[in-house]
Amino acid sequence: MDIEANGQPDSEEIRRLEAEHRHYSDQLENLLQKPWLSAEEQLEEVRLKKLKLHAKDQLAVRRSHGAYHLA
């Protein structure tokens, strides 16, 4: 993990992860607007949910390390 000179997690990395999470969320929302999903779209739904969760988990890790370094 990148730490800035002030001991904070790299804010650029956090912004990137937030944008990534939003991107997956938007894609998922668009997909779920359909009245029904094909088999391929159902797989894409699962893939997007996993990617979105991974980005969220990475954000939590980066943010918690920042709070830890401030203590």
C-alpha atoms as a PDB file:
ATOM      1  CA  MET A   1       0.000   0.000   0.000  1.00  0.00           C
ATOM      2  CA  ASP A   2       1.242   3.460  -0.809  1.00  0.00           C
ATOM      3  CA  ILE A   3       1.470   5.880   2.091  1.00  0.00           C
ATOM      4  CA  GLU A   4       1.826   9.607   1.524  1.00  0.00           C
ATOM      5  CA  ALA A   5       4.369  11.603   3.520  1.00  0.00           C
ATOM      6  CA  ASN A   6       1.703  12.597   6.069  1.00  0.00           C
ATOM      7  CA  GLY A   7       0.981   8.946   6.909  1.00  0.00           C
ATOM      8  CA  GLN A   8      -2.337   8.911   5.027  1.00  0.00           C
ATOM      9  CA  PRO A   9      -3.149   6.170   2.533  1.00  0.00           C
ATOM     10  CA  ASP A  10      -2.453   7.247  -1.014  1.00  0.00           C
ATOM     11  CA  SER A  11      -5.464   9.414  -1.831  1.00  0.00           C
ATOM     12  CA  GLU A  12      -4.956   8.791  -5.557  1.00  0.00           C
ATOM     13  CA  GLU A  13      -5.325   5.051  -4.978  1.00  0.00           C
ATOM     14  CA  ILE A  14      -8.477   5.634  -2.929  1.00  0.00           C
ATOM     15  CA  ARG A  15      -9.931   7.839  -5.677  1.00  0.00           C
ATOM     16  CA  ARG A  16      -9.105   5.164  -8.256  1.00  0.00           C
ATOM     17  CA  LEU A  17     -10.798   2.464  -6.205  1.00  0.00           C
ATOM     18  CA  GLU A  18     -13.852   4.662  -5.614  1.00  0.00           C
ATOM     19  CA  ALA A  19     -14.140   5.290  -9.356  1.00  0.00           C
ATOM     20  CA  GLU A  20     -13.723   1.574 -10.061  1.00  0.00           C
ATOM     21  CA  HIS A  21     -16.458   0.730  -7.542  1.00  0.00           C
ATOM     22  CA  ARG A  22     -18.793   3.331  -9.111  1.00  0.00           C
ATOM     23  CA  HIS A  23     -18.054   1.981 -12.591  1.00  0.00           C
ATOM     24  CA  TYR A  24     -18.979  -1.576 -11.598  1.00  0.00           C
ATOM     25  CA  SER A  25     -22.037  -0.327  -9.736  1.00  0.00           C
ATOM     26  CA  ASP A  26     -23.231   1.616 -12.788  1.00  0.00           C
ATOM     27  CA  GLN A  27     -22.665  -1.358 -15.089  1.00  0.00           C
ATOM     28  CA  LEU A  28     -24.560  -3.623 -12.711  1.00  0.00           C
ATOM     29  CA  GLU A  29     -27.421  -1.156 -12.403  1.00  0.00           C
ATOM     30  CA  ASN A  30     -27.713  -0.921 -16.195  1.00  0.00           C
ATOM     31  CA  LEU A  31     -27.705  -4.684 -16.528  1.00  0.00           C
ATOM     32  CA  LEU A  32     -30.394  -5.120 -13.884  1.00  0.00           C
ATOM     33  CA  GLN A  33     -32.727  -2.708 -15.673  1.00  0.00           C
ATOM     34  CA  LYS A  34     -33.534  -5.516 -18.093  1.00  0.00           C
ATOM     35  CA  PRO A  35     -36.730  -7.476 -17.428  1.00  0.00           C
ATOM     36  CA  TRP A  36     -34.805 -10.756 -17.749  1.00  0.00           C
ATOM     37  CA  LEU A  37     -31.184 -11.781 -18.174  1.00  0.00           C
ATOM     38  CA  SER A  38     -29.701 -14.300 -20.570  1.00  0.00           C
ATOM     39  CA  ALA A  39     -27.296 -16.921 -19.230  1.00  0.00           C
ATOM     40  CA  GLU A  40     -24.349 -14.748 -20.317  1.00  0.00           C
ATOM     41  CA  GLU A  41     -25.850 -11.695 -18.634  1.00  0.00           C
ATOM     42  CA  GLN A  42     -26.389 -13.663 -15.442  1.00  0.00           C
ATOM     43  CA  LEU A  43     -22.702 -14.572 -15.458  1.00  0.00           C
ATOM     44  CA  GLU A  44     -21.839 -10.928 -16.072  1.00  0.00           C
ATOM     45  CA  GLU A  45     -24.024  -9.956 -13.110  1.00  0.00           C
ATOM     46  CA  VAL A  46     -22.077 -12.316 -10.843  1.00  0.00           C
ATOM     47  CA  ARG A  47     -18.752 -11.075 -12.242  1.00  0.00           C
ATOM     48  CA  LEU A  48     -19.683  -7.414 -11.691  1.00  0.00           C
ATOM     49  CA  LYS A  49     -20.855  -8.094  -8.141  1.00  0.00           C
ATOM     50  CA  LYS A  50     -17.551  -9.784  -7.336  1.00  0.00           C
ATOM     51  CA  LEU A  51     -15.513  -6.966  -8.874  1.00  0.00           C
ATOM     52  CA  LYS A  52     -17.576  -4.348  -7.057  1.00  0.00           C
ATOM     53  CA  LEU A  53     -17.132  -6.172  -3.737  1.00  0.00           C
ATOM     54  CA  HIS A  54     -13.395  -6.534  -4.310  1.00  0.00           C
ATOM     55  CA  ALA A  55     -13.072  -2.794  -4.931  1.00  0.00           C
ATOM     56  CA  LYS A  56     -15.108  -2.095  -1.781  1.00  0.00           C
ATOM     57  CA  ASP A  57     -12.915  -4.447   0.261  1.00  0.00           C
ATOM     58  CA  GLN A  58      -9.755  -2.792  -1.057  1.00  0.00           C
ATOM     59  CA  LEU A  59     -11.148   0.620  -0.111  1.00  0.00           C
ATOM     60  CA  ALA A  60     -11.893  -0.600   3.406  1.00  0.00           C
ATOM     61  CA  VAL A  61      -8.358  -1.953   3.772  1.00  0.00           C
ATOM     62  CA  ARG A  62      -6.767   1.263   2.520  1.00  0.00           C
ATOM     63  CA  ARG A  63      -8.956   3.420   4.731  1.00  0.00           C
ATOM     64  CA  SER A  64      -8.434   1.287   7.829  1.00  0.00           C
ATOM     65  CA  HIS A  65      -4.664   1.401   7.368  1.00  0.00           C
ATOM     66  CA  GLY A  66      -4.900   5.178   7.163  1.00  0.00           C
ATOM     67  CA  ALA A  67      -6.833   5.303  10.449  1.00  0.00           C
ATOM     68  CA  TYR A  68      -4.298   2.920  12.023  1.00  0.00           C
ATOM     69  CA  HIS A  69      -1.391   5.143  10.994  1.00  0.00           C
ATOM     70  CA  LEU A  70      -3.078   8.209  12.487  1.00  0.00           C
ATOM     71  CA  ALA A  71      -3.354   6.641  15.952  1.00  0.00           C
END
